[in-house]
């Protein structure tokens, strides 16, 4: 049996770094991912598709490793990086976007991510597992954003 956990997060923040520098980093998937915590391995599958393999979390007896692939498309003119799930890769489907735009001071970023993670546990465990998985995912994303804010010289 499998428990499917839904993820849906969004963040907006403004950093001190110039727009070009910010866009260059978030549109370069390996460089951007290097700021994301607990990534065990990132594989370039070609044509803008990357497979993420996260570190295992849990105990020795019960642990979860999230694996998924997404296709990334950048558009410098629009200031966007959009990723869509690739079916048949791993136990999750993850999509999202970056929107980067000039602010009065610095650069405004809008980050959205959503998807599902399938956890191989009985359905009865959903009540316990769903909040833990979604909470862990949220912590990782917040640490990622904090890491980027530091990289870009702090928030405005």
N, C-alpha and C. Protein backbone atom coordinates (compact mmCIF):
# COMPACT_ATOMS: atom_id res chain seq x y z
N UNK A 1 0.83 -1.18 0.00
CA UNK A 1 0.00 0.00 0.00
C UNK A 1 0.88 1.25 0.00
N UNK A 2 0.28 2.33 -0.43
CA UNK A 2 1.03 3.58 -0.55
C UNK A 2 0.20 4.74 -0.01
N UNK A 3 0.88 5.62 0.68
CA UNK A 3 0.28 6.87 1.14
C UNK A 3 0.79 7.97 0.22
N UNK A 4 -0.11 8.73 -0.38
CA UNK A 4 0.28 9.84 -1.25
C UNK A 4 0.13 11.14 -0.47
N UNK A 5 1.24 11.88 -0.40
CA UNK A 5 1.26 13.13 0.35
C UNK A 5 1.36 14.27 -0.66
N UNK A 6 0.47 15.25 -0.53
CA UNK A 6 0.49 16.41 -1.43
C UNK A 6 1.31 17.54 -0.84
N UNK A 7 2.04 18.21 -1.73
CA UNK A 7 2.89 19.34 -1.35
C UNK A 7 2.45 20.55 -2.18
N UNK A 8 2.33 21.70 -1.54
CA UNK A 8 1.98 22.93 -2.27
C UNK A 8 2.51 24.12 -1.46
N UNK A 9 3.61 24.71 -1.93
CA UNK A 9 4.25 25.80 -1.20
C UNK A 9 4.51 26.98 -2.13
N UNK A 10 4.51 28.17 -1.55
CA UNK A 10 4.83 29.37 -2.31
C UNK A 10 5.51 30.40 -1.42
N UNK A 11 6.51 31.08 -1.96
CA UNK A 11 7.26 32.08 -1.21
C UNK A 11 7.57 33.28 -2.11
N UNK A 12 7.62 34.46 -1.52
CA UNK A 12 8.04 35.67 -2.22
C UNK A 12 9.04 36.39 -1.33
N UNK A 13 10.14 36.86 -1.93
CA UNK A 13 11.14 37.60 -1.18
C UNK A 13 11.97 38.44 -2.15
N UNK A 14 12.63 39.44 -1.61
CA UNK A 14 13.45 40.34 -2.41
C UNK A 14 14.87 40.31 -1.85
N UNK A 15 15.83 40.16 -2.75
CA UNK A 15 17.24 40.07 -2.35
C UNK A 15 18.02 41.26 -2.90
N UNK A 16 19.21 41.46 -2.37
CA UNK A 16 20.04 42.60 -2.74
C UNK A 16 20.74 42.44 -4.09
N UNK A 17 20.97 41.22 -4.53
CA UNK A 17 21.73 40.97 -5.76
C UNK A 17 20.99 41.46 -7.01
N UNK A 18 21.74 41.81 -8.07
CA UNK A 18 21.12 42.26 -9.31
C UNK A 18 20.37 41.13 -10.03
N UNK A 19 19.37 41.53 -10.81
CA UNK A 19 18.50 40.60 -11.51
C UNK A 19 19.27 39.57 -12.33
N UNK A 20 20.23 39.99 -13.13
CA UNK A 20 20.97 39.06 -14.00
C UNK A 20 21.66 37.97 -13.18
N UNK A 21 22.28 38.37 -12.07
CA UNK A 21 22.98 37.40 -11.23
C UNK A 21 22.00 36.39 -10.63
N UNK A 22 20.86 36.88 -10.18
CA UNK A 22 19.85 36.01 -9.58
C UNK A 22 19.30 35.05 -10.62
N UNK A 23 18.92 35.57 -11.79
CA UNK A 23 18.37 34.70 -12.83
C UNK A 23 19.39 33.66 -13.27
N UNK A 24 20.64 34.07 -13.45
CA UNK A 24 21.68 33.13 -13.87
C UNK A 24 21.78 31.95 -12.90
N UNK A 25 21.70 32.24 -11.60
CA UNK A 25 21.81 31.16 -10.63
C UNK A 25 20.57 30.26 -10.62
N UNK A 26 19.38 30.82 -10.53
CA UNK A 26 18.18 29.97 -10.42
C UNK A 26 17.89 29.22 -11.71
N UNK A 27 18.38 29.72 -12.85
CA UNK A 27 18.14 29.02 -14.12
C UNK A 27 19.19 27.95 -14.42
N UNK A 28 20.28 27.94 -13.66
CA UNK A 28 21.31 26.91 -13.78
C UNK A 28 20.98 25.83 -12.75
N UNK A 29 20.32 24.78 -13.20
CA UNK A 29 19.76 23.79 -12.27
C UNK A 29 20.81 23.21 -11.31
N UNK A 30 21.96 22.70 -11.79
CA UNK A 30 22.92 22.15 -10.83
C UNK A 30 23.42 23.18 -9.81
N UNK A 31 23.63 24.42 -10.23
CA UNK A 31 24.08 25.46 -9.30
C UNK A 31 22.99 25.78 -8.29
N UNK A 32 21.76 25.92 -8.77
CA UNK A 32 20.63 26.20 -7.88
C UNK A 32 20.45 25.06 -6.88
N UNK A 33 20.48 23.83 -7.37
CA UNK A 33 20.27 22.66 -6.51
C UNK A 33 21.40 22.51 -5.48
N UNK A 34 22.58 23.02 -5.79
CA UNK A 34 23.69 22.93 -4.83
C UNK A 34 23.38 23.67 -3.53
N UNK A 35 22.37 24.54 -3.54
CA UNK A 35 21.95 25.28 -2.35
C UNK A 35 20.80 24.57 -1.61
N UNK A 36 20.29 23.49 -2.20
CA UNK A 36 19.16 22.76 -1.61
C UNK A 36 19.71 21.69 -0.65
N UNK A 37 19.22 21.65 0.58
CA UNK A 37 19.76 20.69 1.55
C UNK A 37 19.33 19.25 1.27
N UNK A 38 20.17 18.33 1.72
CA UNK A 38 19.88 16.90 1.73
C UNK A 38 19.64 16.29 0.35
N UNK A 39 20.28 16.84 -0.69
CA UNK A 39 20.23 16.21 -2.01
C UNK A 39 21.36 15.20 -2.06
N UNK A 40 21.02 13.94 -2.21
CA UNK A 40 22.04 12.89 -2.29
C UNK A 40 22.72 12.91 -3.66
N UNK A 41 21.91 13.06 -4.73
CA UNK A 41 22.47 13.02 -6.08
C UNK A 41 21.52 13.74 -7.04
N UNK A 42 22.09 14.54 -7.94
CA UNK A 42 21.34 15.17 -9.02
C UNK A 42 21.92 14.64 -10.32
N UNK A 43 21.06 14.06 -11.17
CA UNK A 43 21.53 13.49 -12.43
C UNK A 43 20.93 14.25 -13.60
N UNK A 44 21.78 14.64 -14.55
CA UNK A 44 21.35 15.30 -15.77
C UNK A 44 20.94 14.21 -16.75
N UNK A 45 19.64 14.12 -17.05
CA UNK A 45 19.14 13.11 -17.97
C UNK A 45 19.06 13.64 -19.41
N UNK A 46 19.49 14.89 -19.62
CA UNK A 46 19.49 15.47 -20.95
C UNK A 46 18.20 16.22 -21.26
N UNK A 47 18.28 17.14 -22.22
CA UNK A 47 17.13 17.92 -22.69
C UNK A 47 16.40 18.65 -21.55
N UNK A 48 17.17 19.16 -20.58
CA UNK A 48 16.58 19.94 -19.49
C UNK A 48 15.93 19.12 -18.40
N UNK A 49 16.13 17.79 -18.44
CA UNK A 49 15.53 16.92 -17.43
C UNK A 49 16.59 16.52 -16.40
N UNK A 50 16.22 16.69 -15.13
CA UNK A 50 17.11 16.32 -14.03
C UNK A 50 16.38 15.40 -13.06
N UNK A 51 17.09 14.36 -12.59
CA UNK A 51 16.54 13.46 -11.58
C UNK A 51 17.16 13.83 -10.23
N UNK A 52 16.29 14.08 -9.27
CA UNK A 52 16.70 14.37 -7.90
C UNK A 52 16.61 13.09 -7.09
N UNK A 53 17.65 12.80 -6.30
CA UNK A 53 17.61 11.71 -5.33
C UNK A 53 17.97 12.33 -3.99
N UNK A 54 16.99 12.40 -3.12
CA UNK A 54 17.20 13.00 -1.81
C UNK A 54 17.83 12.00 -0.86
N UNK A 55 18.45 12.49 0.20
CA UNK A 55 18.99 11.61 1.24
C UNK A 55 17.83 10.87 1.89
N UNK A 56 18.10 9.68 2.38
CA UNK A 56 17.09 8.92 3.10
C UNK A 56 16.84 9.60 4.44
N UNK A 57 15.58 9.63 4.85
CA UNK A 57 15.22 10.17 6.16
C UNK A 57 14.44 9.11 6.92
N UNK A 58 14.56 9.11 8.21
CA UNK A 58 13.86 8.14 9.05
C UNK A 58 14.85 7.37 9.89
N UNK A 59 14.46 6.15 10.27
CA UNK A 59 15.31 5.29 11.08
C UNK A 59 15.87 4.18 10.19
N UNK A 60 16.72 3.34 10.76
CA UNK A 60 17.29 2.22 10.01
C UNK A 60 16.19 1.26 9.55
N UNK A 61 15.15 1.10 10.40
CA UNK A 61 14.06 0.16 10.08
C UNK A 61 13.04 0.77 9.11
N UNK A 62 12.73 2.03 9.30
CA UNK A 62 11.73 2.69 8.46
C UNK A 62 12.33 3.99 7.94
N UNK A 63 12.54 4.02 6.61
CA UNK A 63 13.07 5.25 6.04
C UNK A 63 12.45 5.51 4.69
N UNK A 64 12.54 6.76 4.28
CA UNK A 64 11.95 7.20 3.02
C UNK A 64 13.03 7.92 2.23
N UNK A 65 13.10 7.61 0.95
CA UNK A 65 13.97 8.37 0.06
C UNK A 65 13.09 8.87 -1.08
N UNK A 66 13.08 10.17 -1.27
CA UNK A 66 12.29 10.75 -2.34
C UNK A 66 13.16 10.86 -3.59
N UNK A 67 12.62 10.34 -4.70
CA UNK A 67 13.30 10.40 -5.98
C UNK A 67 12.28 10.87 -7.02
N UNK A 68 12.68 11.83 -7.83
CA UNK A 68 11.79 12.31 -8.89
C UNK A 68 12.61 12.98 -9.98
N UNK A 69 11.96 13.20 -11.12
CA UNK A 69 12.61 13.94 -12.21
C UNK A 69 11.66 15.03 -12.68
N UNK A 70 12.26 16.15 -13.08
CA UNK A 70 11.51 17.28 -13.61
C UNK A 70 12.23 17.82 -14.83
N UNK A 71 11.42 18.38 -15.75
CA UNK A 71 11.97 19.03 -16.94
C UNK A 71 11.94 20.53 -16.70
N UNK A 72 13.09 21.18 -16.89
CA UNK A 72 13.25 22.60 -16.61
C UNK A 72 13.31 23.40 -17.91
N UNK A 73 12.58 24.52 -17.93
CA UNK A 73 12.60 25.44 -19.07
C UNK A 73 12.76 26.86 -18.53
N UNK A 74 13.81 27.55 -19.01
CA UNK A 74 14.07 28.93 -18.59
C UNK A 74 13.70 29.89 -19.71
N UNK A 75 13.20 31.05 -19.31
CA UNK A 75 12.90 32.12 -20.27
C UNK A 75 13.41 33.43 -19.66
N UNK A 76 14.58 33.84 -20.12
CA UNK A 76 15.22 35.04 -19.57
C UNK A 76 14.34 36.28 -19.76
N UNK A 77 13.70 36.43 -20.92
CA UNK A 77 12.87 37.62 -21.18
C UNK A 77 11.70 37.71 -20.20
N UNK A 78 11.09 36.58 -19.90
CA UNK A 78 9.98 36.56 -18.95
C UNK A 78 10.46 36.49 -17.51
N UNK A 79 11.75 36.14 -17.31
CA UNK A 79 12.28 36.00 -15.97
C UNK A 79 11.76 34.77 -15.26
N UNK A 80 11.50 33.70 -16.03
CA UNK A 80 10.92 32.51 -15.43
C UNK A 80 11.78 31.26 -15.62
N UNK A 81 11.68 30.40 -14.65
CA UNK A 81 12.19 29.04 -14.74
C UNK A 81 11.02 28.17 -14.29
N UNK A 82 10.59 27.27 -15.18
CA UNK A 82 9.43 26.42 -14.88
C UNK A 82 9.87 24.97 -14.98
N UNK A 83 9.46 24.16 -14.01
CA UNK A 83 9.76 22.73 -14.09
C UNK A 83 8.48 21.94 -13.96
N UNK A 84 8.42 20.88 -14.76
CA UNK A 84 7.24 20.02 -14.80
C UNK A 84 7.67 18.58 -14.50
N UNK A 85 6.80 17.82 -13.85
CA UNK A 85 7.14 16.44 -13.48
C UNK A 85 7.35 15.56 -14.71
N UNK A 86 8.27 14.61 -14.57
CA UNK A 86 8.50 13.59 -15.58
C UNK A 86 7.94 12.29 -15.02
N UNK A 87 6.97 11.73 -15.70
CA UNK A 87 6.33 10.50 -15.22
C UNK A 87 7.30 9.32 -15.32
N UNK A 88 7.13 8.38 -14.40
CA UNK A 88 7.90 7.14 -14.45
C UNK A 88 9.27 7.21 -13.82
N UNK A 89 9.58 8.31 -13.14
CA UNK A 89 10.88 8.45 -12.46
C UNK A 89 10.64 8.60 -10.96
N UNK A 90 10.96 7.57 -10.22
CA UNK A 90 10.92 7.67 -8.77
C UNK A 90 9.54 7.58 -8.15
N UNK A 91 9.43 8.11 -6.94
CA UNK A 91 8.21 7.99 -6.14
C UNK A 91 7.53 9.34 -5.89
N UNK A 92 7.87 10.34 -6.70
CA UNK A 92 7.25 11.66 -6.52
C UNK A 92 7.06 12.33 -7.87
N UNK A 93 6.14 13.27 -7.90
CA UNK A 93 5.89 14.11 -9.07
C UNK A 93 5.98 15.55 -8.57
N UNK A 94 6.98 16.31 -9.06
CA UNK A 94 7.20 17.65 -8.53
C UNK A 94 7.32 18.65 -9.68
N UNK A 95 6.58 19.73 -9.56
CA UNK A 95 6.65 20.82 -10.52
C UNK A 95 6.69 22.15 -9.79
N UNK A 96 7.04 23.20 -10.49
CA UNK A 96 7.07 24.50 -9.84
C UNK A 96 7.64 25.56 -10.74
N UNK A 97 7.96 26.70 -10.14
CA UNK A 97 8.48 27.81 -10.94
C UNK A 97 9.21 28.83 -10.08
N UNK A 98 10.11 29.54 -10.75
CA UNK A 98 10.73 30.76 -10.25
C UNK A 98 10.24 31.88 -11.14
N UNK A 99 9.91 33.01 -10.57
CA UNK A 99 9.64 34.24 -11.31
C UNK A 99 10.58 35.29 -10.72
N UNK A 100 11.46 35.82 -11.55
CA UNK A 100 12.47 36.77 -11.10
C UNK A 100 12.18 38.11 -11.78
N UNK A 101 12.11 39.19 -11.00
CA UNK A 101 11.83 40.50 -11.58
C UNK A 101 12.56 41.60 -10.80
N UNK A 102 12.77 42.72 -11.47
CA UNK A 102 13.44 43.85 -10.84
C UNK A 102 12.54 44.46 -9.77
N UNK A 103 13.15 44.86 -8.68
CA UNK A 103 12.44 45.55 -7.60
C UNK A 103 13.06 46.94 -7.46
N UNK A 104 12.43 47.81 -6.65
CA UNK A 104 13.00 49.15 -6.45
C UNK A 104 14.45 49.04 -5.99
N UNK A 105 14.67 48.11 -5.06
CA UNK A 105 16.02 47.82 -4.60
C UNK A 105 16.20 46.32 -4.71
N UNK A 106 17.14 45.87 -5.52
CA UNK A 106 17.41 44.45 -5.63
C UNK A 106 16.51 43.72 -6.61
N UNK A 107 16.27 42.44 -6.31
CA UNK A 107 15.53 41.56 -7.21
C UNK A 107 14.46 40.80 -6.43
N UNK A 108 13.25 40.80 -6.97
CA UNK A 108 12.14 40.07 -6.35
C UNK A 108 12.10 38.66 -6.92
N UNK A 109 11.91 37.69 -6.04
CA UNK A 109 11.76 36.30 -6.45
C UNK A 109 10.44 35.75 -5.95
N UNK A 110 9.77 35.01 -6.83
CA UNK A 110 8.56 34.29 -6.46
C UNK A 110 8.84 32.82 -6.74
N UNK A 111 8.68 31.99 -5.72
CA UNK A 111 8.96 30.57 -5.83
C UNK A 111 7.70 29.78 -5.53
N UNK A 112 7.37 28.84 -6.40
CA UNK A 112 6.22 27.96 -6.17
C UNK A 112 6.66 26.53 -6.44
N UNK A 113 6.18 25.61 -5.63
CA UNK A 113 6.44 24.19 -5.84
C UNK A 113 5.22 23.40 -5.39
N UNK A 114 4.88 22.39 -6.17
CA UNK A 114 3.76 21.53 -5.79
C UNK A 114 4.02 20.13 -6.34
N UNK A 115 3.34 19.18 -5.76
CA UNK A 115 3.49 17.82 -6.24
C UNK A 115 2.98 16.82 -5.25
N UNK A 116 3.35 15.57 -5.50
CA UNK A 116 2.96 14.48 -4.64
C UNK A 116 4.17 13.58 -4.37
N UNK A 117 4.18 13.00 -3.19
CA UNK A 117 5.21 12.03 -2.82
C UNK A 117 4.46 10.77 -2.39
N UNK A 118 4.84 9.63 -2.99
CA UNK A 118 4.24 8.35 -2.62
C UNK A 118 5.14 7.66 -1.60
N UNK A 119 4.57 7.35 -0.44
CA UNK A 119 5.31 6.72 0.64
C UNK A 119 4.77 5.29 0.80
N UNK A 120 5.65 4.28 0.71
CA UNK A 120 5.20 2.88 0.77
C UNK A 120 4.84 2.44 2.19
N UNK A 121 3.68 2.88 2.64
CA UNK A 121 3.18 2.51 3.96
C UNK A 121 1.67 2.26 3.87
N UNK A 122 1.11 1.52 4.82
CA UNK A 122 -0.34 1.28 4.79
C UNK A 122 -1.13 2.59 4.89
N UNK A 123 -2.28 2.62 4.26
CA UNK A 123 -3.15 3.79 4.25
C UNK A 123 -3.49 4.31 5.63
N UNK A 124 -3.55 3.41 6.61
CA UNK A 124 -3.86 3.81 7.98
C UNK A 124 -2.80 4.75 8.55
N UNK A 125 -1.60 4.70 7.97
CA UNK A 125 -0.49 5.54 8.46
C UNK A 125 -0.57 6.97 7.93
N UNK A 126 -1.51 7.24 7.02
CA UNK A 126 -1.60 8.56 6.39
C UNK A 126 -1.67 9.70 7.41
N UNK A 127 -2.47 9.50 8.44
CA UNK A 127 -2.67 10.55 9.44
C UNK A 127 -1.34 10.92 10.11
N UNK A 128 -0.47 9.94 10.29
CA UNK A 128 0.82 10.16 10.94
C UNK A 128 1.86 10.63 9.93
N UNK A 129 1.90 9.98 8.77
CA UNK A 129 2.97 10.20 7.79
C UNK A 129 2.82 11.51 7.03
N UNK A 130 1.62 11.86 6.61
CA UNK A 130 1.42 13.05 5.77
C UNK A 130 1.99 14.32 6.42
N UNK A 131 1.67 14.62 7.69
CA UNK A 131 2.23 15.84 8.28
C UNK A 131 3.75 15.80 8.41
N UNK A 132 4.32 14.62 8.66
CA UNK A 132 5.76 14.50 8.80
C UNK A 132 6.45 14.75 7.47
N UNK A 133 5.96 14.12 6.41
CA UNK A 133 6.55 14.28 5.07
C UNK A 133 6.40 15.72 4.58
N UNK A 134 5.19 16.27 4.70
CA UNK A 134 5.00 17.64 4.22
C UNK A 134 5.80 18.64 5.06
N UNK A 135 5.90 18.39 6.36
CA UNK A 135 6.69 19.27 7.23
C UNK A 135 8.16 19.22 6.90
N UNK A 136 8.68 18.03 6.62
CA UNK A 136 10.09 17.87 6.25
C UNK A 136 10.37 18.58 4.92
N UNK A 137 9.48 18.41 3.96
CA UNK A 137 9.64 19.06 2.66
C UNK A 137 9.65 20.59 2.82
N UNK A 138 8.73 21.09 3.64
CA UNK A 138 8.66 22.53 3.89
C UNK A 138 9.95 23.05 4.53
N UNK A 139 10.50 22.30 5.50
CA UNK A 139 11.76 22.70 6.14
C UNK A 139 12.89 22.75 5.12
N UNK A 140 12.96 21.76 4.23
CA UNK A 140 14.01 21.73 3.22
C UNK A 140 13.90 22.93 2.27
N UNK A 141 12.69 23.24 1.84
CA UNK A 141 12.48 24.37 0.93
C UNK A 141 12.84 25.68 1.64
N UNK A 142 12.45 25.82 2.90
CA UNK A 142 12.77 27.05 3.63
C UNK A 142 14.28 27.20 3.83
N UNK A 143 14.98 26.10 4.06
CA UNK A 143 16.44 26.16 4.19
C UNK A 143 17.07 26.52 2.84
N UNK A 144 16.54 25.98 1.77
CA UNK A 144 16.99 26.31 0.41
C UNK A 144 16.86 27.81 0.16
N UNK A 145 15.70 28.36 0.48
CA UNK A 145 15.47 29.79 0.28
C UNK A 145 16.41 30.61 1.17
N UNK A 146 16.58 30.20 2.42
CA UNK A 146 17.53 30.89 3.31
C UNK A 146 18.94 30.86 2.73
N UNK A 147 19.34 29.71 2.19
CA UNK A 147 20.67 29.59 1.58
C UNK A 147 20.82 30.54 0.40
N UNK A 148 19.77 30.64 -0.43
CA UNK A 148 19.81 31.55 -1.58
C UNK A 148 19.86 33.01 -1.12
N UNK A 149 19.08 33.35 -0.12
CA UNK A 149 19.08 34.72 0.41
C UNK A 149 20.49 35.09 0.86
N UNK A 150 21.15 34.18 1.54
CA UNK A 150 22.53 34.44 1.98
C UNK A 150 23.45 34.60 0.77
N UNK A 151 23.30 33.74 -0.21
CA UNK A 151 24.12 33.80 -1.43
C UNK A 151 23.94 35.15 -2.14
N UNK A 152 22.72 35.67 -2.12
CA UNK A 152 22.42 36.93 -2.81
C UNK A 152 22.59 38.16 -1.92
N UNK A 153 23.30 38.01 -0.81
CA UNK A 153 23.64 39.17 0.02
C UNK A 153 22.57 39.62 0.99
N UNK A 154 21.59 38.78 1.21
CA UNK A 154 20.54 39.10 2.18
C UNK A 154 19.30 39.67 1.53
N UNK A 155 18.28 39.84 2.35
CA UNK A 155 17.01 40.40 1.88
C UNK A 155 17.05 41.93 1.93
N UNK A 156 16.27 42.53 1.05
CA UNK A 156 16.16 43.99 1.03
C UNK A 156 15.18 44.42 2.10
